């Protein structure tokens, strides 16, 4: 019977995958909420960019396609 080779010591802690997953989840949630705001809520007059309606006009057709009312 042959002996199995020894496992090399790893310097990566077990918590690292959990922290990386949490960062990915937080980033994904942030992008999803930002996309939801710009497509579904931003109306130009109450925009985070002031009374500018460029974002509203850019996503106008997507807003109607997804069923969000805007006028």
C-alpha atoms as a PDB file:
ATOM      1  CA  UNK A   1       0.000   0.000   0.000  1.00  0.00           C
ATOM      2  CA  UNK A   2       1.386   3.407  -0.966  1.00  0.00           C
ATOM      3  CA  UNK A   3       1.166   6.422   1.274  1.00  0.00           C
ATOM      4  CA  UNK A   4      -0.726   9.457   0.089  1.00  0.00           C
ATOM      5  CA  UNK A   5       1.324  12.611  -0.424  1.00  0.00           C
ATOM      6  CA  UNK A   6       1.100  15.151   2.372  1.00  0.00           C
ATOM      7  CA  UNK A   7      -1.305  18.027   1.830  1.00  0.00           C
ATOM      8  CA  UNK A   8       0.516  21.340   1.436  1.00  0.00           C
ATOM      9  CA  UNK A   9      -0.281  23.928   4.076  1.00  0.00           C
ATOM     10  CA  UNK A  10      -2.505  26.650   2.705  1.00  0.00           C
ATOM     11  CA  UNK A  11      -2.183  30.223   3.828  1.00  0.00           C
ATOM     12  CA  UNK A  12      -5.682  31.179   2.642  1.00  0.00           C
ATOM     13  CA  UNK A  13      -8.152  31.284   5.520  1.00  0.00           C
ATOM     14  CA  UNK A  14     -11.519  29.589   5.197  1.00  0.00           C
ATOM     15  CA  UNK A  15     -13.325  32.925   5.624  1.00  0.00           C
ATOM     16  CA  UNK A  16     -11.988  34.353   2.342  1.00  0.00           C
ATOM     17  CA  UNK A  17     -14.589  32.696   0.062  1.00  0.00           C
ATOM     18  CA  UNK A  18     -17.376  33.945   2.312  1.00  0.00           C
ATOM     19  CA  UNK A  19     -16.015  37.500   2.263  1.00  0.00           C
ATOM     20  CA  UNK A  20     -15.573  37.391  -1.500  1.00  0.00           C
ATOM     21  CA  UNK A  21     -19.126  36.089  -1.913  1.00  0.00           C
ATOM     22  CA  UNK A  22     -20.442  38.853   0.333  1.00  0.00           C
ATOM     23  CA  UNK A  23     -18.657  41.489  -1.758  1.00  0.00           C
ATOM     24  CA  UNK A  24     -20.059  40.053  -4.981  1.00  0.00           C
ATOM     25  CA  UNK A  25     -23.538  39.933  -3.472  1.00  0.00           C
ATOM     26  CA  UNK A  26     -23.309  43.520  -2.205  1.00  0.00           C
ATOM     27  CA  UNK A  27     -22.067  44.749  -5.591  1.00  0.00           C
ATOM     28  CA  UNK A  28     -24.796  42.895  -7.442  1.00  0.00           C
ATOM     29  CA  UNK A  29     -27.506  44.256  -5.143  1.00  0.00           C
ATOM     30  CA  UNK A  30     -26.140  47.797  -5.531  1.00  0.00           C
ATOM     31  CA  UNK A  31     -26.138  47.542  -9.339  1.00  0.00           C
ATOM     32  CA  UNK A  32     -29.628  46.004  -9.364  1.00  0.00           C
ATOM     33  CA  UNK A  33     -31.045  48.778  -7.169  1.00  0.00           C
ATOM     34  CA  UNK A  34     -29.335  51.451  -9.287  1.00  0.00           C
ATOM     35  CA  UNK A  35     -30.720  49.911 -12.483  1.00  0.00           C
ATOM     36  CA  UNK A  36     -34.197  49.667 -10.928  1.00  0.00           C
ATOM     37  CA  UNK A  37     -34.011  53.337  -9.917  1.00  0.00           C
ATOM     38  CA  UNK A  38     -32.887  54.600 -13.314  1.00  0.00           C
ATOM     39  CA  UNK A  39     -35.330  52.479 -15.317  1.00  0.00           C
ATOM     40  CA  UNK A  40     -38.316  52.393 -12.991  1.00  0.00           C
ATOM     41  CA  UNK A  41     -38.288  55.430 -10.737  1.00  0.00           C
ATOM     42  CA  UNK A  42     -36.198  58.284 -12.195  1.00  0.00           C
ATOM     43  CA  UNK A  43     -38.613  60.790 -13.752  1.00  0.00           C
ATOM     44  CA  UNK A  44     -36.305  63.670 -14.597  1.00  0.00           C
ATOM     45  CA  UNK A  45     -37.945  66.191 -12.263  1.00  0.00           C
ATOM     46  CA  UNK A  46     -36.953  64.208  -9.160  1.00  0.00           C
ATOM     47  CA  UNK A  47     -33.729  62.893 -10.631  1.00  0.00           C
ATOM     48  CA  UNK A  48     -30.570  62.500  -8.561  1.00  0.00           C
ATOM     49  CA  UNK A  49     -28.925  64.689 -11.217  1.00  0.00           C
ATOM     50  CA  UNK A  50     -31.279  67.648 -10.702  1.00  0.00           C
ATOM     51  CA  UNK A  51     -33.918  68.599 -13.252  1.00  0.00           C
ATOM     52  CA  UNK A  52     -31.965  66.935 -16.067  1.00  0.00           C
ATOM     53  CA  UNK A  53     -33.981  64.361 -18.019  1.00  0.00           C
ATOM     54  CA  UNK A  54     -31.210  62.745 -20.090  1.00  0.00           C
ATOM     55  CA  UNK A  55     -31.313  59.515 -18.069  1.00  0.00           C
ATOM     56  CA  UNK A  56     -35.103  59.395 -18.338  1.00  0.00           C
ATOM     57  CA  UNK A  57     -35.000  59.809 -22.106  1.00  0.00           C
ATOM     58  CA  UNK A  58     -32.185  57.247 -22.452  1.00  0.00           C
ATOM     59  CA  UNK A  59     -34.197  54.501 -20.705  1.00  0.00           C
ATOM     60  CA  UNK A  60     -37.634  55.671 -21.875  1.00  0.00           C
ATOM     61  CA  UNK A  61     -38.351  52.772 -24.228  1.00  0.00           C
ATOM     62  CA  UNK A  62     -37.051  50.199 -21.725  1.00  0.00           C
ATOM     63  CA  UNK A  63     -39.371  51.742 -19.138  1.00  0.00           C
ATOM     64  CA  UNK A  64     -42.410  51.158 -21.351  1.00  0.00           C
ATOM     65  CA  UNK A  65     -41.212  47.704 -22.394  1.00  0.00           C
ATOM     66  CA  UNK A  66     -40.962  46.638 -18.727  1.00  0.00           C
ATOM     67  CA  UNK A  67     -44.368  48.138 -17.869  1.00  0.00           C
ATOM     68  CA  UNK A  68     -43.261  51.125 -15.776  1.00  0.00           C
ATOM     69  CA  UNK A  69     -45.517  54.165 -16.242  1.00  0.00           C
ATOM     70  CA  UNK A  70     -43.809  57.444 -16.952  1.00  0.00           C
ATOM     71  CA  UNK A  71     -46.396  59.857 -18.296  1.00  0.00           C
END
